[in-house]
Amino acid sequence: MAAGTLLGLLAAVVNLAGMWSALALLSVRPVLTLPWQALGTTAAACALLAVVSATLPAATALRRRPVELAGVRE
């Protein structure tokens, strides 16, 4: 879960750095303000996606009966 959150935050930071350097090439001195709301939303969405991706396969596997997993018919 932490890895997904960190990757999402890293993507947002890289995007902001790219925008800042593009504006610097245009000789525009931007005031860097971090969009904390967007960063928080990105972190929450990535954490939720990581949890669902980790638990959904396990929940699906646990719903099957052992007989079905072994390939034996009743």
C-alpha atoms as a PDB file:
ATOM      1  CA  MET A   1       0.000   0.000   0.000  1.00  0.00           C
ATOM      2  CA  ALA A   2       2.809   2.383   0.837  1.00  0.00           C
ATOM      3  CA  ALA A   3       4.554   1.660  -2.459  1.00  0.00           C
ATOM      4  CA  GLY A   4       1.465   2.645  -4.454  1.00  0.00           C
ATOM      5  CA  THR A   5       1.075   5.833  -2.458  1.00  0.00           C
ATOM      6  CA  LEU A   6       4.717   6.765  -2.884  1.00  0.00           C
ATOM      7  CA  LEU A   7       4.612   6.081  -6.621  1.00  0.00           C
ATOM      8  CA  GLY A   8       1.545   8.299  -6.989  1.00  0.00           C
ATOM      9  CA  LEU A   9       3.167  11.103  -5.041  1.00  0.00           C
ATOM     10  CA  LEU A  10       6.358  10.709  -7.058  1.00  0.00           C
ATOM     11  CA  ALA A  11       4.379  11.035 -10.291  1.00  0.00           C
ATOM     12  CA  ALA A  12       2.734  14.226  -9.028  1.00  0.00           C
ATOM     13  CA  VAL A  13       6.084  15.713  -7.963  1.00  0.00           C
ATOM     14  CA  VAL A  14       7.697  14.856 -11.305  1.00  0.00           C
ATOM     15  CA  ASN A  15       4.788  16.506 -13.093  1.00  0.00           C
ATOM     16  CA  LEU A  16       5.162  19.664 -11.009  1.00  0.00           C
ATOM     17  CA  ALA A  17       8.928  19.731 -11.589  1.00  0.00           C
ATOM     18  CA  GLY A  18       8.399  19.410 -15.346  1.00  0.00           C
ATOM     19  CA  MET A  19       5.945  22.300 -15.363  1.00  0.00           C
ATOM     20  CA  TRP A  20       8.289  24.428 -13.282  1.00  0.00           C
ATOM     21  CA  SER A  21      11.256  23.792 -15.585  1.00  0.00           C
ATOM     22  CA  ALA A  22       9.125  24.451 -18.700  1.00  0.00           C
ATOM     23  CA  LEU A  23       8.090  27.804 -17.265  1.00  0.00           C
ATOM     24  CA  ALA A  24      11.713  28.533 -16.400  1.00  0.00           C
ATOM     25  CA  LEU A  25      12.654  27.966 -20.059  1.00  0.00           C
ATOM     26  CA  LEU A  26      10.114  30.621 -20.982  1.00  0.00           C
ATOM     27  CA  SER A  27      11.806  33.007 -18.531  1.00  0.00           C
ATOM     28  CA  VAL A  28       8.759  33.026 -16.302  1.00  0.00           C
ATOM     29  CA  ARG A  29       9.624  32.932 -12.637  1.00  0.00           C
ATOM     30  CA  PRO A  30       6.759  30.912 -11.158  1.00  0.00           C
ATOM     31  CA  VAL A  31       5.899  30.916  -7.520  1.00  0.00           C
ATOM     32  CA  LEU A  32       5.853  27.263  -6.585  1.00  0.00           C
ATOM     33  CA  THR A  33       2.798  26.475  -4.536  1.00  0.00           C
ATOM     34  CA  LEU A  34       2.006  22.871  -3.876  1.00  0.00           C
ATOM     35  CA  PRO A  35      -1.575  21.771  -4.457  1.00  0.00           C
ATOM     36  CA  TRP A  36      -1.977  19.955  -1.173  1.00  0.00           C
ATOM     37  CA  GLN A  37      -5.562  18.984  -1.931  1.00  0.00           C
ATOM     38  CA  ALA A  38      -4.524  17.298  -5.190  1.00  0.00           C
ATOM     39  CA  LEU A  39      -1.548  15.605  -3.539  1.00  0.00           C
ATOM     40  CA  GLY A  40      -3.760  14.286  -0.749  1.00  0.00           C
ATOM     41  CA  THR A  41      -6.348  13.046  -3.235  1.00  0.00           C
ATOM     42  CA  THR A  42      -3.630  11.353  -5.305  1.00  0.00           C
ATOM     43  CA  ALA A  43      -2.194   9.678  -2.209  1.00  0.00           C
ATOM     44  CA  ALA A  44      -5.639   8.477  -1.110  1.00  0.00           C
ATOM     45  CA  ALA A  45      -6.541   7.145  -4.571  1.00  0.00           C
ATOM     46  CA  CYS A  46      -3.226   5.292  -4.870  1.00  0.00           C
ATOM     47  CA  ALA A  47      -3.584   3.825  -1.389  1.00  0.00           C
ATOM     48  CA  LEU A  48      -7.131   2.657  -2.162  1.00  0.00           C
ATOM     49  CA  LEU A  49      -6.034   1.117  -5.453  1.00  0.00           C
ATOM     50  CA  ALA A  50      -3.154  -0.656  -3.728  1.00  0.00           C
ATOM     51  CA  VAL A  51      -5.446  -2.103  -1.045  1.00  0.00           C
ATOM     52  CA  VAL A  52      -8.013  -3.302  -3.591  1.00  0.00           C
ATOM     53  CA  SER A  53      -5.287  -4.811  -5.790  1.00  0.00           C
ATOM     54  CA  ALA A  54      -3.842  -6.665  -2.810  1.00  0.00           C
ATOM     55  CA  THR A  55      -7.083  -7.948  -1.291  1.00  0.00           C
ATOM     56  CA  LEU A  56      -9.296  -8.727  -4.291  1.00  0.00           C
ATOM     57  CA  PRO A  57      -7.288 -11.730  -5.568  1.00  0.00           C
ATOM     58  CA  ALA A  58      -7.065 -13.149  -2.041  1.00  0.00           C
ATOM     59  CA  ALA A  59     -10.796 -12.697  -1.455  1.00  0.00           C
ATOM     60  CA  THR A  60     -11.582 -14.395  -4.772  1.00  0.00           C
ATOM     61  CA  ALA A  61      -9.290 -17.331  -3.980  1.00  0.00           C
ATOM     62  CA  LEU A  62     -10.854 -17.785  -0.546  1.00  0.00           C
ATOM     63  CA  ARG A  63     -14.376 -17.939  -1.989  1.00  0.00           C
ATOM     64  CA  ARG A  64     -13.602 -21.119  -3.932  1.00  0.00           C
ATOM     65  CA  ARG A  65     -14.028 -24.399  -2.209  1.00  0.00           C
ATOM     66  CA  PRO A  66     -10.963 -26.633  -1.813  1.00  0.00           C
ATOM     67  CA  VAL A  67     -12.599 -29.263  -4.045  1.00  0.00           C
ATOM     68  CA  GLU A  68     -12.813 -26.792  -6.922  1.00  0.00           C
ATOM     69  CA  LEU A  69      -9.202 -25.811  -6.461  1.00  0.00           C
ATOM     70  CA  ALA A  70      -8.083 -29.446  -6.677  1.00  0.00           C
ATOM     71  CA  GLY A  71     -10.128 -30.074  -9.839  1.00  0.00           C
ATOM     72  CA  VAL A  72     -12.163 -32.889  -8.262  1.00  0.00           C
ATOM     73  CA  ARG A  73     -15.843 -33.153  -9.105  1.00  0.00           C
ATOM     74  CA  GLU A  74     -18.447 -34.052  -6.554  1.00  0.00           C
END
